Amino acid sequence: MESKELTNLITKLILNKKGEKIKILDLRELTPVSDYFVICTASSEPQVKAIADHISEETKKKRERPWHSEGYQNLSWVLLDYVDVVVHIFLPESRKFYNLEGLWADAVITEIKDE
């Protein structure tokens, strides 16, 4: 699956679980490490886990699996690394603290609204 297609699928899966403040950071012109970051906020630890689990389960059906995941121990920030697409699921305080949008401010940032 192409990275843009995977990014769009992940965005829809986040919306399925009511993730908020979804942003896609296009990193293709900035780094060879990854094409896109998908960042969202969840309102509680159970919601962080639900979003991460939903993404993992549904992408597996498309033969896409995270190369690496972390953050399941404390659930304030879960990262799912699909190499070309990296998903960050934050609680509000953690998102503000780590400020990935600020660190990658040179990226093209697309905000996703729930329709």
N, C-alpha and C. Protein backbone atom coordinates (compact mmCIF):
# COMPACT_ATOMS: atom_id res chain seq x y z
N MET A 1 0.85 -1.17 0.00
CA MET A 1 0.00 0.00 0.00
C MET A 1 0.90 1.24 0.00
N GLU A 2 0.58 2.19 -0.84
CA GLU A 2 1.34 3.43 -0.90
C GLU A 2 1.16 4.22 0.40
N SER A 3 2.14 5.04 0.74
CA SER A 3 2.11 5.75 2.02
C SER A 3 0.91 6.70 2.12
N LYS A 4 0.55 7.37 1.03
CA LYS A 4 -0.61 8.28 1.06
C LYS A 4 -1.90 7.50 1.29
N GLU A 5 -2.02 6.37 0.65
CA GLU A 5 -3.21 5.52 0.83
C GLU A 5 -3.30 5.01 2.27
N LEU A 6 -2.17 4.59 2.83
CA LEU A 6 -2.15 4.13 4.22
C LEU A 6 -2.48 5.28 5.17
N THR A 7 -1.97 6.46 4.89
CA THR A 7 -2.28 7.64 5.70
C THR A 7 -3.78 7.91 5.70
N ASN A 8 -4.40 7.87 4.54
CA ASN A 8 -5.84 8.11 4.44
C ASN A 8 -6.64 7.05 5.20
N LEU A 9 -6.24 5.79 5.09
CA LEU A 9 -6.91 4.72 5.82
C LEU A 9 -6.78 4.95 7.32
N ILE A 10 -5.60 5.24 7.79
CA ILE A 10 -5.38 5.45 9.23
C ILE A 10 -6.21 6.62 9.73
N THR A 11 -6.29 7.67 8.95
CA THR A 11 -7.10 8.83 9.33
C THR A 11 -8.57 8.43 9.52
N LYS A 12 -9.10 7.64 8.59
CA LYS A 12 -10.48 7.18 8.71
C LYS A 12 -10.67 6.30 9.94
N LEU A 13 -9.69 5.47 10.23
CA LEU A 13 -9.78 4.59 11.39
C LEU A 13 -9.77 5.40 12.69
N ILE A 14 -8.98 6.46 12.73
CA ILE A 14 -8.98 7.34 13.90
C ILE A 14 -10.35 7.98 14.08
N LEU A 15 -10.93 8.45 12.98
CA LEU A 15 -12.27 9.05 13.05
C LEU A 15 -13.31 8.05 13.52
N ASN A 16 -13.16 6.77 13.13
CA ASN A 16 -14.08 5.72 13.58
C ASN A 16 -14.14 5.65 15.09
N LYS A 17 -13.02 5.91 15.75
CA LYS A 17 -12.93 5.81 17.21
C LYS A 17 -12.95 7.17 17.89
N LYS A 18 -13.42 8.17 17.15
CA LYS A 18 -13.63 9.53 17.68
C LYS A 18 -12.36 10.23 18.14
N GLY A 19 -11.24 9.92 17.47
CA GLY A 19 -10.01 10.68 17.72
C GLY A 19 -10.23 12.12 17.31
N GLU A 20 -9.53 13.03 17.96
CA GLU A 20 -9.74 14.45 17.73
C GLU A 20 -8.45 15.14 17.28
N LYS A 21 -8.61 16.35 16.76
CA LYS A 21 -7.49 17.20 16.36
C LYS A 21 -6.47 16.44 15.52
N ILE A 22 -6.98 15.79 14.49
CA ILE A 22 -6.14 14.96 13.62
C ILE A 22 -5.38 15.86 12.65
N LYS A 23 -4.08 15.63 12.59
CA LYS A 23 -3.25 16.36 11.65
C LYS A 23 -2.33 15.38 10.93
N ILE A 24 -2.15 15.65 9.65
CA ILE A 24 -1.20 14.88 8.84
C ILE A 24 -0.04 15.81 8.52
N LEU A 25 1.15 15.38 8.87
CA LEU A 25 2.36 16.14 8.56
C LEU A 25 3.05 15.44 7.40
N ASP A 26 3.19 16.14 6.30
CA ASP A 26 3.87 15.62 5.12
C ASP A 26 5.36 15.92 5.26
N LEU A 27 6.14 14.89 5.50
CA LEU A 27 7.57 15.02 5.78
C LEU A 27 8.45 14.69 4.58
N ARG A 28 7.84 14.39 3.44
CA ARG A 28 8.60 13.89 2.29
C ARG A 28 9.72 14.83 1.83
N GLU A 29 9.52 16.13 1.96
CA GLU A 29 10.54 17.09 1.53
C GLU A 29 11.56 17.40 2.63
N LEU A 30 11.31 16.87 3.84
CA LEU A 30 12.14 17.24 4.99
C LEU A 30 13.09 16.15 5.47
N THR A 31 12.69 14.89 5.32
CA THR A 31 13.49 13.80 5.88
C THR A 31 13.25 12.50 5.12
N PRO A 32 14.25 11.67 5.00
CA PRO A 32 14.04 10.36 4.38
C PRO A 32 13.52 9.32 5.37
N VAL A 33 13.39 9.70 6.62
CA VAL A 33 13.00 8.76 7.68
C VAL A 33 11.57 8.26 7.50
N SER A 34 10.66 9.14 7.16
CA SER A 34 9.24 8.78 7.03
C SER A 34 8.57 9.76 6.07
N ASP A 35 7.50 9.31 5.44
CA ASP A 35 6.75 10.19 4.53
C ASP A 35 5.74 11.06 5.29
N TYR A 36 5.02 10.44 6.23
CA TYR A 36 3.94 11.14 6.93
C TYR A 36 3.94 10.81 8.41
N PHE A 37 3.56 11.81 9.22
CA PHE A 37 3.15 11.59 10.60
C PHE A 37 1.64 11.84 10.62
N VAL A 38 0.92 10.97 11.30
CA VAL A 38 -0.50 11.19 11.57
C VAL A 38 -0.60 11.36 13.07
N ILE A 39 -1.09 12.51 13.50
CA ILE A 39 -1.15 12.84 14.92
C ILE A 39 -2.61 13.06 15.31
N CYS A 40 -2.99 12.51 16.47
CA CYS A 40 -4.34 12.75 16.96
C CYS A 40 -4.33 12.80 18.48
N THR A 41 -5.43 13.29 19.02
CA THR A 41 -5.63 13.37 20.46
C THR A 41 -6.79 12.47 20.85
N ALA A 42 -6.62 11.78 21.97
CA ALA A 42 -7.69 10.98 22.57
C ALA A 42 -7.99 11.57 23.95
N SER A 43 -9.20 11.41 24.41
CA SER A 43 -9.59 12.05 25.66
C SER A 43 -9.28 11.23 26.91
N SER A 44 -8.91 9.96 26.74
CA SER A 44 -8.64 9.10 27.90
C SER A 44 -7.69 7.98 27.50
N GLU A 45 -7.10 7.34 28.50
CA GLU A 45 -6.21 6.20 28.22
C GLU A 45 -6.94 5.07 27.50
N PRO A 46 -8.18 4.71 27.93
CA PRO A 46 -8.89 3.66 27.18
C PRO A 46 -9.11 4.04 25.71
N GLN A 47 -9.35 5.32 25.44
CA GLN A 47 -9.54 5.73 24.05
C GLN A 47 -8.23 5.67 23.27
N VAL A 48 -7.11 6.03 23.90
CA VAL A 48 -5.81 5.90 23.24
C VAL A 48 -5.62 4.45 22.80
N LYS A 49 -5.87 3.52 23.72
CA LYS A 49 -5.71 2.09 23.43
C LYS A 49 -6.69 1.64 22.34
N ALA A 50 -7.93 2.09 22.43
CA ALA A 50 -8.95 1.70 21.44
C ALA A 50 -8.56 2.16 20.03
N ILE A 51 -8.06 3.39 19.91
CA ILE A 51 -7.64 3.90 18.60
C ILE A 51 -6.46 3.09 18.08
N ALA A 52 -5.46 2.88 18.93
CA ALA A 52 -4.26 2.13 18.51
C ALA A 52 -4.63 0.70 18.11
N ASP A 53 -5.45 0.05 18.91
CA ASP A 53 -5.85 -1.33 18.60
C ASP A 53 -6.64 -1.40 17.30
N HIS A 54 -7.54 -0.44 17.11
CA HIS A 54 -8.37 -0.41 15.90
C HIS A 54 -7.50 -0.24 14.65
N ILE A 55 -6.53 0.67 14.72
CA ILE A 55 -5.63 0.87 13.59
C ILE A 55 -4.84 -0.40 13.31
N SER A 56 -4.28 -1.01 14.35
CA SER A 56 -3.49 -2.24 14.17
C SER A 56 -4.31 -3.37 13.58
N GLU A 57 -5.52 -3.55 14.09
CA GLU A 57 -6.38 -4.65 13.62
C GLU A 57 -6.82 -4.44 12.17
N GLU A 58 -7.23 -3.23 11.84
CA GLU A 58 -7.76 -2.97 10.51
C GLU A 58 -6.66 -2.92 9.45
N THR A 59 -5.50 -2.39 9.79
CA THR A 59 -4.41 -2.37 8.81
C THR A 59 -3.87 -3.78 8.57
N LYS A 60 -3.95 -4.61 9.59
CA LYS A 60 -3.51 -6.01 9.43
C LYS A 60 -4.35 -6.71 8.36
N LYS A 61 -5.62 -6.36 8.29
CA LYS A 61 -6.51 -6.93 7.26
C LYS A 61 -6.08 -6.53 5.85
N LYS A 62 -5.35 -5.44 5.76
CA LYS A 62 -4.83 -4.95 4.47
C LYS A 62 -3.37 -5.37 4.27
N ARG A 63 -2.93 -6.29 5.12
CA ARG A 63 -1.54 -6.80 5.08
C ARG A 63 -0.51 -5.73 5.40
N GLU A 64 -0.90 -4.80 6.24
CA GLU A 64 0.02 -3.77 6.73
C GLU A 64 0.13 -3.94 8.24
N ARG A 65 1.34 -4.03 8.71
CA ARG A 65 1.58 -4.20 10.15
C ARG A 65 2.61 -3.17 10.60
N PRO A 66 2.43 -2.65 11.83
CA PRO A 66 3.46 -1.73 12.32
C PRO A 66 4.79 -2.46 12.48
N TRP A 67 5.85 -1.83 12.03
CA TRP A 67 7.18 -2.37 12.21
C TRP A 67 7.56 -2.31 13.69
N HIS A 68 7.04 -1.27 14.36
CA HIS A 68 7.34 -1.06 15.77
C HIS A 68 6.17 -0.32 16.41
N SER A 69 5.92 -0.62 17.67
CA SER A 69 4.93 0.16 18.42
C SER A 69 5.46 0.35 19.83
N GLU A 70 5.05 1.44 20.44
CA GLU A 70 5.45 1.68 21.82
C GLU A 70 4.45 2.61 22.49
N GLY A 71 4.48 2.60 23.81
CA GLY A 71 3.61 3.48 24.59
C GLY A 71 2.42 2.77 25.21
N TYR A 72 2.27 1.47 24.96
CA TYR A 72 1.14 0.74 25.52
C TYR A 72 1.23 0.60 27.04
N GLN A 73 2.42 0.83 27.60
CA GLN A 73 2.58 0.67 29.05
C GLN A 73 1.87 1.77 29.83
N ASN A 74 1.97 3.01 29.37
CA ASN A 74 1.34 4.10 30.13
C ASN A 74 0.20 4.79 29.39
N LEU A 75 0.09 4.59 28.09
CA LEU A 75 -1.02 5.07 27.26
C LEU A 75 -1.22 6.58 27.24
N SER A 76 -0.16 7.34 27.48
CA SER A 76 -0.29 8.79 27.30
C SER A 76 0.15 9.20 25.89
N TRP A 77 0.94 8.32 25.25
CA TRP A 77 1.38 8.53 23.87
C TRP A 77 1.70 7.16 23.29
N VAL A 78 0.90 6.72 22.35
CA VAL A 78 1.17 5.46 21.66
C VAL A 78 1.65 5.80 20.26
N LEU A 79 2.72 5.14 19.87
CA LEU A 79 3.32 5.33 18.55
C LEU A 79 3.20 4.01 17.79
N LEU A 80 2.70 4.10 16.56
CA LEU A 80 2.65 2.95 15.65
C LEU A 80 3.48 3.32 14.43
N ASP A 81 4.57 2.60 14.22
CA ASP A 81 5.51 2.93 13.15
C ASP A 81 5.34 1.97 11.98
N TYR A 82 4.77 2.48 10.89
CA TYR A 82 4.61 1.71 9.66
C TYR A 82 5.72 2.07 8.67
N VAL A 83 6.80 2.61 9.15
CA VAL A 83 7.98 3.06 8.42
C VAL A 83 7.68 4.32 7.62
N ASP A 84 6.91 4.23 6.54
CA ASP A 84 6.60 5.41 5.74
C ASP A 84 5.53 6.29 6.38
N VAL A 85 4.77 5.71 7.30
CA VAL A 85 3.73 6.44 8.03
C VAL A 85 3.90 6.12 9.51
N VAL A 86 4.01 7.16 10.32
CA VAL A 86 4.13 6.98 11.77
C VAL A 86 2.92 7.64 12.42
N VAL A 87 2.21 6.87 13.25
CA VAL A 87 1.00 7.34 13.91
C VAL A 87 1.33 7.67 15.36
N HIS A 88 0.88 8.85 15.80
CA HIS A 88 1.07 9.30 17.18
C HIS A 88 -0.30 9.55 17.78
N ILE A 89 -0.64 8.83 18.83
CA ILE A 89 -1.93 8.98 19.51
C ILE A 89 -1.62 9.50 20.92
N PHE A 90 -2.06 10.70 21.19
CA PHE A 90 -1.70 11.40 22.42
C PHE A 90 -2.90 11.67 23.32
N LEU A 91 -2.64 11.71 24.63
CA LEU A 91 -3.52 12.41 25.55
C LEU A 91 -3.20 13.89 25.40
N PRO A 92 -4.14 14.78 25.71
CA PRO A 92 -3.92 16.22 25.47
C PRO A 92 -2.64 16.78 26.10
N GLU A 93 -2.35 16.41 27.34
CA GLU A 93 -1.18 16.97 28.03
C GLU A 93 0.11 16.54 27.34
N SER A 94 0.18 15.27 26.92
CA SER A 94 1.37 14.76 26.27
C SER A 94 1.56 15.40 24.90
N ARG A 95 0.47 15.59 24.19
CA ARG A 95 0.58 16.23 22.86
C ARG A 95 1.13 17.64 22.99
N LYS A 96 0.63 18.37 23.98
CA LYS A 96 1.09 19.73 24.20
C LYS A 96 2.57 19.73 24.60
N PHE A 97 2.96 18.82 25.48
CA PHE A 97 4.33 18.75 25.96
C PHE A 97 5.33 18.43 24.84
N TYR A 98 5.03 17.43 24.03
CA TYR A 98 5.97 17.00 22.99
C TYR A 98 5.92 17.87 21.74
N ASN A 99 4.78 18.52 21.49
CA ASN A 99 4.65 19.53 20.44
C ASN A 99 5.28 19.12 19.09
N LEU A 100 4.88 17.96 18.59
CA LEU A 100 5.44 17.50 17.31
C LEU A 100 5.15 18.45 16.16
N GLU A 101 3.97 19.07 16.19
CA GLU A 101 3.65 20.03 15.13
C GLU A 101 4.64 21.20 15.15
N GLY A 102 5.07 21.62 16.31
CA GLY A 102 6.06 22.69 16.42
C GLY A 102 7.44 22.23 15.98
N LEU A 103 7.81 21.01 16.37
CA LEU A 103 9.12 20.48 15.99
C LEU A 103 9.23 20.29 14.48
N TRP A 104 8.12 19.94 13.84
CA TRP A 104 8.10 19.70 12.40
C TRP A 104 7.31 20.80 11.70
N ALA A 105 7.45 22.03 12.15
CA ALA A 105 6.67 23.16 11.62
C ALA A 105 6.92 23.42 10.14
N ASP A 106 8.04 22.95 9.61
CA ASP A 106 8.32 23.15 8.19
C ASP A 106 7.56 22.18 7.29
N ALA A 107 6.92 21.19 7.89
CA ALA A 107 6.14 20.22 7.12
C ALA A 107 4.86 20.87 6.61
N VAL A 108 4.32 20.31 5.54
CA VAL A 108 2.99 20.69 5.09
C VAL A 108 2.02 19.97 6.03
N ILE A 109 1.19 20.75 6.72
CA ILE A 109 0.30 20.18 7.73
C ILE A 109 -1.14 20.30 7.25
N THR A 110 -1.82 19.16 7.25
CA THR A 110 -3.23 19.11 6.86
C THR A 110 -4.05 18.73 8.08
N GLU A 111 -5.04 19.55 8.40
CA GLU A 111 -5.92 19.25 9.52
C GLU A 111 -7.14 18.50 8.99
N ILE A 112 -7.51 17.42 9.67
CA ILE A 112 -8.64 16.59 9.23
C ILE A 112 -9.83 16.88 10.14
N LYS A 113 -10.93 17.22 9.53
CA LYS A 113 -12.17 17.49 10.26
C LYS A 113 -13.12 16.31 10.10
N ASP A 114 -13.83 16.00 11.18
CA ASP A 114 -14.86 14.97 11.12
C ASP A 114 -16.04 15.52 10.35
N GLU A 115 -16.46 14.79 9.34
CA GLU A 115 -17.55 15.28 8.50
C GLU A 115 -18.91 15.01 9.09
